[in-house]
Amino acid sequence: MGINLSVFRLFGLIAIITIYAQIDAIHHVLIWNRADIMAGQWWRIVTGNLTHANTIHLAMNLTALAAHAMLHRRYYEPHLLGFMILIMMIVIGIAMFFSPSYLYSGFSGVLHGLFVWGFIRDMQHKAPLGWMFILGIILKLLYEVYTGGDSMTSDLIGVKVAYQAHCTGAMVGLLFVLKIQHQS
């Protein structure tokens, strides 16, 4: 099984875009902002996922993206990965309208979806830790819903954890597994 360079290129492109999205003038135009979206700036539904509250938030998400790339790259077709990420960003951006948030930023909702998809693929391929990781994600999401988000993480990133985005991403990741499994 060779390294799929296209997957690394796509993840590298996402990393570069999210780093550039931290530039104040760009960040201001891309962040998910309820009022601006309602005023017609619909692109923020997607681009809010590419912005981050601060450098620590960005570093946490890029580290998780790199970990995901190393763990699950063998399962991806580049066109499927790009499609999954785009759909996750759209669904998360829409789902945030059902939260009390007026601002949203971060790639962690998409990451939750990718990890759910990857760990279920691990289980399908009889990888020994797939079940444990899925259980860990479920417990993490239940904890976040129950507590409203982890306070230590909120302190680090300077904003409230958007557990709604995490849950939405996880559900979309699960739906992709079910859809792809149904097609095969």
N, C-alpha and C. Protein backbone atom coordinates (compact mmCIF):
# COMPACT_ATOMS: atom_id res chain seq x y z
N MET A 1 0.87 -1.18 0.00
CA MET A 1 0.00 0.00 0.00
C MET A 1 0.91 1.24 0.00
N GLY A 2 0.85 2.01 -1.08
CA GLY A 2 1.68 3.20 -1.20
C GLY A 2 1.04 4.41 -0.54
N ILE A 3 1.84 5.44 -0.42
CA ILE A 3 1.34 6.69 0.15
C ILE A 3 0.57 7.43 -0.94
N ASN A 4 -0.63 7.84 -0.62
CA ASN A 4 -1.46 8.58 -1.56
C ASN A 4 -1.10 10.06 -1.44
N LEU A 5 -0.23 10.53 -2.33
CA LEU A 5 0.24 11.91 -2.26
C LEU A 5 -0.87 12.92 -2.49
N SER A 6 -1.89 12.55 -3.26
CA SER A 6 -3.00 13.48 -3.51
C SER A 6 -3.73 13.83 -2.21
N VAL A 7 -3.84 12.86 -1.31
CA VAL A 7 -4.48 13.12 -0.01
C VAL A 7 -3.64 14.12 0.78
N PHE A 8 -2.32 13.92 0.80
CA PHE A 8 -1.45 14.84 1.51
C PHE A 8 -1.48 16.23 0.87
N ARG A 9 -1.57 16.28 -0.44
CA ARG A 9 -1.67 17.59 -1.12
C ARG A 9 -2.95 18.31 -0.72
N LEU A 10 -4.06 17.59 -0.68
CA LEU A 10 -5.32 18.21 -0.29
C LEU A 10 -5.26 18.70 1.15
N PHE A 11 -4.75 17.87 2.05
CA PHE A 11 -4.63 18.30 3.44
C PHE A 11 -3.65 19.48 3.57
N GLY A 12 -2.58 19.46 2.76
CA GLY A 12 -1.63 20.58 2.77
C GLY A 12 -2.29 21.86 2.29
N LEU A 13 -3.12 21.76 1.25
CA LEU A 13 -3.85 22.92 0.74
C LEU A 13 -4.79 23.47 1.81
N ILE A 14 -5.49 22.58 2.50
CA ILE A 14 -6.38 23.02 3.59
C ILE A 14 -5.57 23.73 4.67
N ALA A 15 -4.41 23.18 5.01
CA ALA A 15 -3.56 23.80 6.04
C ALA A 15 -3.12 25.21 5.61
N ILE A 16 -2.71 25.35 4.36
CA ILE A 16 -2.28 26.67 3.87
C ILE A 16 -3.44 27.66 3.90
N ILE A 17 -4.61 27.22 3.43
CA ILE A 17 -5.77 28.12 3.43
C ILE A 17 -6.14 28.55 4.84
N THR A 18 -6.13 27.60 5.79
CA THR A 18 -6.49 27.97 7.17
C THR A 18 -5.47 28.90 7.80
N ILE A 19 -4.22 28.75 7.43
CA ILE A 19 -3.19 29.67 7.95
C ILE A 19 -3.42 31.07 7.37
N TYR A 20 -3.64 31.17 6.06
CA TYR A 20 -3.92 32.47 5.45
C TYR A 20 -5.22 33.08 5.97
N ALA A 21 -6.17 32.24 6.32
CA ALA A 21 -7.46 32.74 6.82
C ALA A 21 -7.32 33.40 8.19
N GLN A 22 -6.15 33.28 8.81
CA GLN A 22 -5.91 33.94 10.10
C GLN A 22 -5.50 35.41 9.93
N ILE A 23 -5.15 35.80 8.74
CA ILE A 23 -4.81 37.21 8.49
C ILE A 23 -6.08 38.03 8.73
N ASP A 24 -5.98 39.05 9.55
CA ASP A 24 -7.16 39.79 10.00
C ASP A 24 -8.12 40.21 8.88
N ALA A 25 -7.58 40.78 7.81
CA ALA A 25 -8.44 41.26 6.73
C ALA A 25 -9.18 40.10 6.05
N ILE A 26 -8.53 38.94 5.96
CA ILE A 26 -9.15 37.77 5.34
C ILE A 26 -10.11 37.12 6.33
N HIS A 27 -9.66 36.98 7.57
CA HIS A 27 -10.46 36.35 8.63
C HIS A 27 -11.81 37.04 8.77
N HIS A 28 -11.78 38.35 8.74
CA HIS A 28 -12.99 39.16 8.91
C HIS A 28 -14.03 38.86 7.82
N VAL A 29 -13.58 38.51 6.64
CA VAL A 29 -14.49 38.25 5.51
C VAL A 29 -14.95 36.79 5.46
N LEU A 30 -14.22 35.88 6.13
CA LEU A 30 -14.51 34.45 6.03
C LEU A 30 -15.24 33.85 7.23
N ILE A 31 -15.08 34.43 8.41
CA ILE A 31 -15.63 33.82 9.63
C ILE A 31 -17.16 33.64 9.52
N TRP A 32 -17.66 32.57 10.11
CA TRP A 32 -19.11 32.32 10.16
C TRP A 32 -19.70 33.37 11.10
N ASN A 33 -20.51 34.25 10.54
CA ASN A 33 -21.13 35.33 11.31
C ASN A 33 -22.61 35.33 10.93
N ARG A 34 -23.45 35.01 11.90
CA ARG A 34 -24.89 34.86 11.64
C ARG A 34 -25.47 36.09 10.94
N ALA A 35 -25.18 37.27 11.45
CA ALA A 35 -25.76 38.50 10.88
C ALA A 35 -25.30 38.72 9.44
N ASP A 36 -24.01 38.48 9.19
CA ASP A 36 -23.50 38.67 7.83
C ASP A 36 -24.07 37.65 6.86
N ILE A 37 -24.25 36.41 7.33
CA ILE A 37 -24.85 35.39 6.46
C ILE A 37 -26.30 35.78 6.14
N MET A 38 -27.01 36.22 7.15
CA MET A 38 -28.41 36.63 6.95
C MET A 38 -28.51 37.84 6.02
N ALA A 39 -27.43 38.62 5.95
CA ALA A 39 -27.40 39.79 5.07
C ALA A 39 -26.96 39.42 3.65
N GLY A 40 -26.76 38.12 3.38
CA GLY A 40 -26.45 37.69 2.03
C GLY A 40 -25.03 37.18 1.80
N GLN A 41 -24.20 37.19 2.82
CA GLN A 41 -22.82 36.71 2.65
C GLN A 41 -22.78 35.20 2.90
N TRP A 42 -23.43 34.43 2.04
CA TRP A 42 -23.66 33.01 2.20
C TRP A 42 -22.39 32.17 2.20
N TRP A 43 -21.28 32.66 1.58
CA TRP A 43 -20.03 31.90 1.53
C TRP A 43 -19.49 31.61 2.92
N ARG A 44 -19.88 32.42 3.90
CA ARG A 44 -19.41 32.23 5.27
C ARG A 44 -19.89 30.91 5.86
N ILE A 45 -20.97 30.34 5.30
CA ILE A 45 -21.46 29.03 5.76
C ILE A 45 -20.34 28.00 5.61
N VAL A 46 -19.59 28.09 4.52
CA VAL A 46 -18.48 27.17 4.26
C VAL A 46 -17.18 27.69 4.86
N THR A 47 -16.86 28.96 4.60
CA THR A 47 -15.53 29.47 4.95
C THR A 47 -15.31 29.64 6.44
N GLY A 48 -16.37 29.71 7.22
CA GLY A 48 -16.20 29.78 8.67
C GLY A 48 -15.43 28.60 9.22
N ASN A 49 -15.54 27.45 8.55
CA ASN A 49 -14.81 26.26 8.97
C ASN A 49 -13.31 26.40 8.77
N LEU A 50 -12.89 27.34 7.95
CA LEU A 50 -11.47 27.52 7.65
C LEU A 50 -10.81 28.58 8.52
N THR A 51 -11.60 29.28 9.32
CA THR A 51 -11.07 30.30 10.22
C THR A 51 -10.91 29.70 11.62
N HIS A 52 -10.11 30.36 12.44
CA HIS A 52 -9.89 29.89 13.81
C HIS A 52 -9.84 31.08 14.76
N ALA A 53 -10.18 30.81 16.01
CA ALA A 53 -10.26 31.88 17.01
C ALA A 53 -8.89 32.47 17.33
N ASN A 54 -7.86 31.65 17.31
CA ASN A 54 -6.51 32.13 17.60
C ASN A 54 -5.49 31.09 17.12
N THR A 55 -4.23 31.36 17.34
CA THR A 55 -3.16 30.48 16.85
C THR A 55 -3.21 29.11 17.53
N ILE A 56 -3.55 29.07 18.81
CA ILE A 56 -3.65 27.79 19.51
C ILE A 56 -4.76 26.94 18.89
N HIS A 57 -5.90 27.56 18.62
CA HIS A 57 -7.02 26.87 17.99
C HIS A 57 -6.58 26.31 16.64
N LEU A 58 -5.91 27.12 15.83
CA LEU A 58 -5.42 26.69 14.53
C LEU A 58 -4.44 25.53 14.69
N ALA A 59 -3.50 25.64 15.61
CA ALA A 59 -2.49 24.60 15.82
C ALA A 59 -3.15 23.28 16.25
N MET A 60 -4.14 23.36 17.11
CA MET A 60 -4.84 22.14 17.55
C MET A 60 -5.51 21.46 16.36
N ASN A 61 -6.17 22.25 15.52
CA ASN A 61 -6.89 21.66 14.38
C ASN A 61 -5.92 21.13 13.32
N LEU A 62 -4.83 21.83 13.07
CA LEU A 62 -3.86 21.34 12.08
C LEU A 62 -3.16 20.08 12.58
N THR A 63 -2.91 20.00 13.88
CA THR A 63 -2.31 18.78 14.45
C THR A 63 -3.26 17.60 14.28
N ALA A 64 -4.54 17.83 14.56
CA ALA A 64 -5.54 16.76 14.38
C ALA A 64 -5.65 16.37 12.90
N LEU A 65 -5.58 17.34 12.00
CA LEU A 65 -5.63 17.04 10.56
C LEU A 65 -4.44 16.18 10.15
N ALA A 66 -3.26 16.52 10.65
CA ALA A 66 -2.06 15.73 10.34
C ALA A 66 -2.19 14.31 10.90
N ALA A 67 -2.69 14.19 12.12
CA ALA A 67 -2.89 12.86 12.72
C ALA A 67 -3.87 12.05 11.89
N HIS A 68 -4.95 12.69 11.48
CA HIS A 68 -5.94 11.99 10.66
C HIS A 68 -5.32 11.53 9.33
N ALA A 69 -4.54 12.38 8.72
CA ALA A 69 -3.90 12.03 7.44
C ALA A 69 -3.01 10.80 7.62
N MET A 70 -2.28 10.75 8.69
CA MET A 70 -1.39 9.61 8.92
C MET A 70 -2.18 8.33 9.24
N LEU A 71 -3.25 8.46 9.99
CA LEU A 71 -4.02 7.28 10.40
C LEU A 71 -4.89 6.69 9.29
N HIS A 72 -5.51 7.56 8.48
CA HIS A 72 -6.57 7.08 7.59
C HIS A 72 -6.35 7.35 6.11
N ARG A 73 -5.19 7.80 5.73
CA ARG A 73 -4.95 8.16 4.33
C ARG A 73 -5.20 7.01 3.37
N ARG A 74 -5.03 5.78 3.81
CA ARG A 74 -5.17 4.62 2.92
C ARG A 74 -6.60 4.41 2.46
N TYR A 75 -7.57 5.00 3.16
CA TYR A 75 -8.98 4.78 2.82
C TYR A 75 -9.52 5.79 1.81
N TYR A 76 -8.76 6.82 1.54
CA TYR A 76 -9.32 7.92 0.76
C TYR A 76 -8.97 7.85 -0.71
N GLU A 77 -9.96 8.18 -1.51
CA GLU A 77 -9.77 8.58 -2.88
C GLU A 77 -9.79 10.11 -2.82
N PRO A 78 -8.85 10.80 -3.44
CA PRO A 78 -8.79 12.26 -3.31
C PRO A 78 -10.10 12.98 -3.65
N HIS A 79 -10.79 12.57 -4.72
CA HIS A 79 -12.03 13.25 -5.09
C HIS A 79 -13.11 13.00 -4.03
N LEU A 80 -13.14 11.81 -3.44
CA LEU A 80 -14.11 11.52 -2.38
C LEU A 80 -13.80 12.36 -1.14
N LEU A 81 -12.53 12.46 -0.79
CA LEU A 81 -12.13 13.25 0.38
C LEU A 81 -12.53 14.70 0.21
N GLY A 82 -12.23 15.28 -0.94
CA GLY A 82 -12.60 16.68 -1.18
C GLY A 82 -14.10 16.89 -1.11
N PHE A 83 -14.85 15.96 -1.69
CA PHE A 83 -16.31 16.03 -1.66
C PHE A 83 -16.83 15.92 -0.23
N MET A 84 -16.29 14.98 0.54
CA MET A 84 -16.72 14.80 1.93
C MET A 84 -16.47 16.07 2.75
N ILE A 85 -15.29 16.64 2.59
CA ILE A 85 -14.95 17.84 3.36
C ILE A 85 -15.89 18.99 2.99
N LEU A 86 -16.13 19.19 1.70
CA LEU A 86 -17.03 20.27 1.27
C LEU A 86 -18.44 20.06 1.83
N ILE A 87 -18.97 18.85 1.73
CA ILE A 87 -20.32 18.59 2.24
C ILE A 87 -20.35 18.80 3.76
N MET A 88 -19.32 18.32 4.46
CA MET A 88 -19.27 18.52 5.92
C MET A 88 -19.28 20.01 6.26
N MET A 89 -18.49 20.79 5.54
CA MET A 89 -18.43 22.23 5.82
C MET A 89 -19.78 22.89 5.58
N ILE A 90 -20.47 22.51 4.52
CA ILE A 90 -21.78 23.09 4.23
C ILE A 90 -22.79 22.71 5.31
N VAL A 91 -22.85 21.42 5.65
CA VAL A 91 -23.83 20.96 6.64
C VAL A 91 -23.54 21.56 8.01
N ILE A 92 -22.28 21.62 8.40
CA ILE A 92 -21.92 22.22 9.69
C ILE A 92 -22.29 23.70 9.70
N GLY A 93 -21.97 24.40 8.61
CA GLY A 93 -22.31 25.83 8.52
C GLY A 93 -23.80 26.08 8.64
N ILE A 94 -24.60 25.22 8.05
CA ILE A 94 -26.07 25.35 8.16
C ILE A 94 -26.52 24.97 9.57
N ALA A 95 -25.96 23.89 10.11
CA ALA A 95 -26.37 23.42 11.45
C ALA A 95 -26.09 24.47 12.53
N MET A 96 -25.07 25.28 12.33
CA MET A 96 -24.74 26.29 13.35
C MET A 96 -25.86 27.32 13.49
N PHE A 97 -26.75 27.43 12.51
CA PHE A 97 -27.91 28.31 12.65
C PHE A 97 -28.85 27.83 13.75
N PHE A 98 -28.79 26.55 14.09
CA PHE A 98 -29.64 25.99 15.13
C PHE A 98 -28.98 26.05 16.51
N SER A 99 -27.81 26.64 16.58
CA SER A 99 -27.10 26.85 17.84
C SER A 99 -27.31 28.30 18.27
N PRO A 100 -26.99 28.61 19.51
CA PRO A 100 -27.11 30.01 19.95
C PRO A 100 -25.96 30.90 19.48
N SER A 101 -25.01 30.34 18.75
CA SER A 101 -23.80 31.08 18.36
C SER A 101 -24.10 32.16 17.32
N TYR A 102 -23.45 33.29 17.49
CA TYR A 102 -23.51 34.35 16.49
C TYR A 102 -22.26 34.35 15.62
N LEU A 103 -21.17 33.78 16.18
CA LEU A 103 -19.92 33.61 15.45
C LEU A 103 -19.49 32.17 15.59
N TYR A 104 -18.84 31.64 14.56
CA TYR A 104 -18.30 30.29 14.63
C TYR A 104 -17.05 30.25 13.78
N SER A 105 -16.04 29.56 14.30
CA SER A 105 -14.82 29.34 13.53
C SER A 105 -14.22 28.01 13.94
N GLY A 106 -13.54 27.38 13.01
CA GLY A 106 -12.82 26.15 13.33
C GLY A 106 -13.14 25.02 12.38
N PHE A 107 -12.18 24.12 12.28
CA PHE A 107 -12.26 22.95 11.39
C PHE A 107 -12.59 21.68 12.18
N SER A 108 -12.81 21.82 13.48
CA SER A 108 -12.97 20.63 14.32
C SER A 108 -14.24 19.85 14.03
N GLY A 109 -15.29 20.49 13.57
CA GLY A 109 -16.49 19.75 13.19
C GLY A 109 -16.19 18.81 12.04
N VAL A 110 -15.47 19.32 11.04
CA VAL A 110 -15.06 18.49 9.90
C VAL A 110 -14.13 17.38 10.39
N LEU A 111 -13.23 17.71 11.28
CA LEU A 111 -12.31 16.70 11.81
C LEU A 111 -13.06 15.58 12.53
N HIS A 112 -14.08 15.93 13.29
CA HIS A 112 -14.88 14.89 13.95
C HIS A 112 -15.52 13.97 12.90
N GLY A 113 -16.02 14.55 11.83
CA GLY A 113 -16.61 13.74 10.76
C GLY A 113 -15.59 12.84 10.09
N LEU A 114 -14.40 13.39 9.82
CA LEU A 114 -13.36 12.58 9.18
C LEU A 114 -12.88 11.46 10.09
N PHE A 115 -12.74 11.77 11.38
CA PHE A 115 -12.30 10.73 12.32
C PHE A 115 -13.35 9.64 12.48
N VAL A 116 -14.62 10.01 12.58
CA VAL A 116 -15.67 8.98 12.66
C VAL A 116 -15.61 8.10 11.42
N TRP A 117 -15.54 8.73 10.25
CA TRP A 117 -15.46 7.97 9.01
C TRP A 117 -14.24 7.04 9.02
N GLY A 118 -13.09 7.58 9.42
CA GLY A 118 -11.86 6.80 9.42
C GLY A 118 -11.87 5.65 10.42
N PHE A 119 -12.37 5.90 11.62
CA PHE A 119 -12.37 4.84 12.63
C PHE A 119 -13.39 3.75 12.29
N ILE A 120 -14.50 4.10 11.68
CA ILE A 120 -15.44 3.07 11.24
C ILE A 120 -14.81 2.26 10.11
N ARG A 121 -14.07 2.93 9.23
CA ARG A 121 -13.35 2.19 8.18
C ARG A 121 -12.32 1.26 8.82
N ASP A 122 -11.66 1.71 9.89
CA ASP A 122 -10.74 0.83 10.63
C ASP A 122 -11.48 -0.42 11.10
N MET A 123 -12.65 -0.22 11.68
CA MET A 123 -13.44 -1.35 12.17
C MET A 123 -13.80 -2.29 11.02
N GLN A 124 -14.17 -1.74 9.90
CA GLN A 124 -14.53 -2.56 8.74
C GLN A 124 -13.34 -3.38 8.23
N HIS A 125 -12.13 -2.83 8.44
CA HIS A 125 -10.91 -3.52 8.02
C HIS A 125 -10.27 -4.29 9.17
N LYS A 126 -11.03 -4.48 10.25
CA LYS A 126 -10.59 -5.29 11.40
C LYS A 126 -9.38 -4.71 12.12
N ALA A 127 -9.20 -3.39 12.07
CA ALA A 127 -8.13 -2.75 12.84
C ALA A 127 -8.50 -2.85 14.32
N PRO A 128 -7.58 -3.25 15.17
CA PRO A 128 -7.92 -3.58 16.55
C PRO A 128 -8.42 -2.41 17.40
N LEU A 129 -8.07 -1.19 17.09
CA LEU A 129 -8.44 -0.06 17.96
C LEU A 129 -9.62 0.75 17.44
N GLY A 130 -10.17 0.39 16.30
CA GLY A 130 -11.28 1.15 15.73
C GLY A 130 -12.44 1.32 16.69
N TRP A 131 -12.87 0.21 17.32
CA TRP A 131 -14.00 0.27 18.26
C TRP A 131 -13.70 1.19 19.44
N MET A 132 -12.46 1.10 19.94
CA MET A 132 -12.09 1.93 21.10
C MET A 132 -12.14 3.42 20.74
N PHE A 133 -11.65 3.76 19.56
CA PHE A 133 -11.66 5.17 19.16
C PHE A 133 -13.08 5.69 18.91
N ILE A 134 -13.92 4.86 18.30
CA ILE A 134 -15.32 5.28 18.10
C ILE A 134 -15.99 5.49 19.45
N LEU A 135 -15.77 4.58 20.37
CA LEU A 135 -16.34 4.73 21.72
C LEU A 135 -15.83 6.02 22.36
N GLY A 136 -14.55 6.30 22.18
CA GLY A 136 -13.97 7.54 22.72
C GLY A 136 -14.63 8.78 22.14
N ILE A 137 -14.87 8.79 20.83
CA ILE A 137 -15.53 9.94 20.21
C ILE A 137 -16.96 10.08 20.73
N ILE A 138 -17.68 8.97 20.84
CA ILE A 138 -19.05 9.03 21.35
C ILE A 138 -19.07 9.59 22.77
N LEU A 139 -18.18 9.10 23.63
CA LEU A 139 -18.12 9.59 25.01
C LEU A 139 -17.74 11.07 25.05
N LYS A 140 -16.80 11.48 24.20
CA LYS A 140 -16.40 12.89 24.14
C LYS A 140 -17.58 13.76 23.74
N LEU A 141 -18.31 13.35 22.71
CA LEU A 141 -19.46 14.13 22.25
C LEU A 141 -20.55 14.20 23.31
N LEU A 142 -20.81 13.09 23.98
CA LEU A 142 -21.81 13.09 25.05
C LEU A 142 -21.39 14.03 26.18
N TYR A 143 -20.11 14.00 26.52
CA TYR A 143 -19.59 14.91 27.55
C TYR A 143 -19.77 16.37 27.13
N GLU A 144 -19.44 16.67 25.88
CA GLU A 144 -19.57 18.04 25.40
C GLU A 144 -21.02 18.50 25.40
N VAL A 145 -21.93 17.65 24.97
CA VAL A 145 -23.35 18.01 24.96
C VAL A 145 -23.83 18.23 26.39
N TYR A 146 -23.42 17.36 27.30
CA TYR A 146 -23.85 17.44 28.70
C TYR A 146 -23.30 18.69 29.39
N THR A 147 -22.03 19.03 29.13
CA THR A 147 -21.39 20.15 29.82
C THR A 147 -21.43 21.45 29.03
N GLY A 148 -21.80 21.38 27.76
CA GLY A 148 -21.76 22.57 26.92
C GLY A 148 -20.39 22.83 26.34
N GLY A 149 -19.50 21.86 26.40
CA GLY A 149 -18.15 22.01 25.85
C GLY A 149 -17.10 22.01 26.94
N ASP A 150 -15.93 21.56 26.60
CA ASP A 150 -14.84 21.45 27.56
C ASP A 150 -14.30 22.82 27.94
N SER A 151 -14.28 23.12 29.23
CA SER A 151 -13.85 24.45 29.68
C SER A 151 -12.35 24.67 29.50
N MET A 152 -11.55 23.61 29.63
CA MET A 152 -10.11 23.79 29.42
C MET A 152 -9.82 24.14 27.97
N THR A 153 -10.50 23.49 27.05
CA THR A 153 -10.32 23.82 25.64
C THR A 153 -10.81 25.23 25.36
N SER A 154 -11.95 25.59 25.93
CA SER A 154 -12.47 26.96 25.76
C SER A 154 -11.46 27.98 26.24
N ASP A 155 -10.83 27.72 27.36
CA ASP A 155 -9.82 28.64 27.89
C ASP A 155 -8.64 28.77 26.93
N LEU A 156 -8.24 27.65 26.33
CA LEU A 156 -7.10 27.67 25.39
C LEU A 156 -7.42 28.44 24.12
N ILE A 157 -8.60 28.21 23.56
CA ILE A 157 -8.91 28.79 22.25
C ILE A 157 -9.61 30.14 22.37
N GLY A 158 -10.02 30.50 23.57
CA GLY A 158 -10.60 31.82 23.78
C GLY A 158 -12.05 31.97 23.37
N VAL A 159 -12.71 30.87 23.01
CA VAL A 159 -14.13 30.88 22.66
C VAL A 159 -14.76 29.61 23.20
N LYS A 160 -16.08 29.63 23.27
CA LYS A 160 -16.81 28.44 23.71
C LYS A 160 -16.68 27.34 22.66
N VAL A 161 -16.51 26.11 23.11
CA VAL A 161 -16.41 24.97 22.20
C VAL A 161 -17.76 24.79 21.49
N ALA A 162 -17.72 24.70 20.17
CA ALA A 162 -18.94 24.55 19.36
C ALA A 162 -19.25 23.05 19.22
N TYR A 163 -19.75 22.48 20.31
CA TYR A 163 -20.04 21.04 20.30
C TYR A 163 -21.09 20.70 19.24
N GLN A 164 -21.91 21.67 18.87
CA GLN A 164 -22.91 21.43 17.83
C GLN A 164 -22.22 21.08 16.50
N ALA A 165 -21.12 21.76 16.22
CA ALA A 165 -20.35 21.48 15.00
C ALA A 165 -19.71 20.10 15.09
N HIS A 166 -19.21 19.74 16.27
CA HIS A 166 -18.59 18.43 16.46
C HIS A 166 -19.62 17.31 16.23
N CYS A 167 -20.80 17.45 16.83
CA CYS A 167 -21.85 16.44 16.67
C CYS A 167 -22.32 16.35 15.23
N THR A 168 -22.48 17.50 14.59
CA THR A 168 -22.91 17.51 13.19
C THR A 168 -21.88 16.84 12.30
N GLY A 169 -20.63 17.20 12.48
CA GLY A 169 -19.57 16.58 11.68
C GLY A 169 -19.53 15.08 11.87
N ALA A 170 -19.65 14.62 13.12
CA ALA A 170 -19.64 13.19 13.41
C ALA A 170 -20.81 12.49 12.71
N MET A 171 -21.98 13.11 12.73
CA MET A 171 -23.14 12.51 12.07
C MET A 171 -22.95 12.44 10.56
N VAL A 172 -22.39 13.49 9.97
CA VAL A 172 -22.17 13.48 8.53
C VAL A 172 -21.13 12.42 8.16
N GLY A 173 -20.07 12.28 8.98
CA GLY A 173 -19.09 11.23 8.75
C GLY A 173 -19.73 9.85 8.77
N LEU A 174 -20.62 9.63 9.73
CA LEU A 174 -21.35 8.36 9.81
C LEU A 174 -22.22 8.15 8.58
N LEU A 175 -22.92 9.20 8.15
CA LEU A 175 -23.76 9.08 6.96
C LEU A 175 -22.94 8.74 5.71
N PHE A 176 -21.74 9.29 5.61
CA PHE A 176 -20.88 8.96 4.47
C PHE A 176 -20.50 7.48 4.50
N VAL A 177 -20.18 6.96 5.69
CA VAL A 177 -19.86 5.53 5.80
C VAL A 177 -21.04 4.70 5.33
N LEU A 178 -22.22 5.04 5.82
CA LEU A 178 -23.42 4.27 5.47
C LEU A 178 -23.72 4.36 3.98
N LYS A 179 -23.58 5.54 3.40
CA LYS A 179 -23.85 5.74 1.97
C LYS A 179 -22.84 4.96 1.11
N ILE A 180 -21.58 5.05 1.47
CA ILE A 180 -20.54 4.37 0.68
C ILE A 180 -20.69 2.86 0.83
N GLN A 181 -21.00 2.40 2.04
CA GLN A 181 -21.19 0.98 2.28
C GLN A 181 -22.38 0.47 1.49
N HIS A 182 -23.44 1.27 1.43
CA HIS A 182 -24.65 0.88 0.69
C HIS A 182 -24.38 0.76 -0.81
N GLN A 183 -23.48 1.61 -1.32
CA GLN A 183 -23.16 1.59 -2.75
C GLN A 183 -22.27 0.42 -3.14
N SER A 184 -21.51 -0.12 -2.17
CA SER A 184 -20.59 -1.21 -2.53
C SER A 184 -21.20 -2.57 -2.42
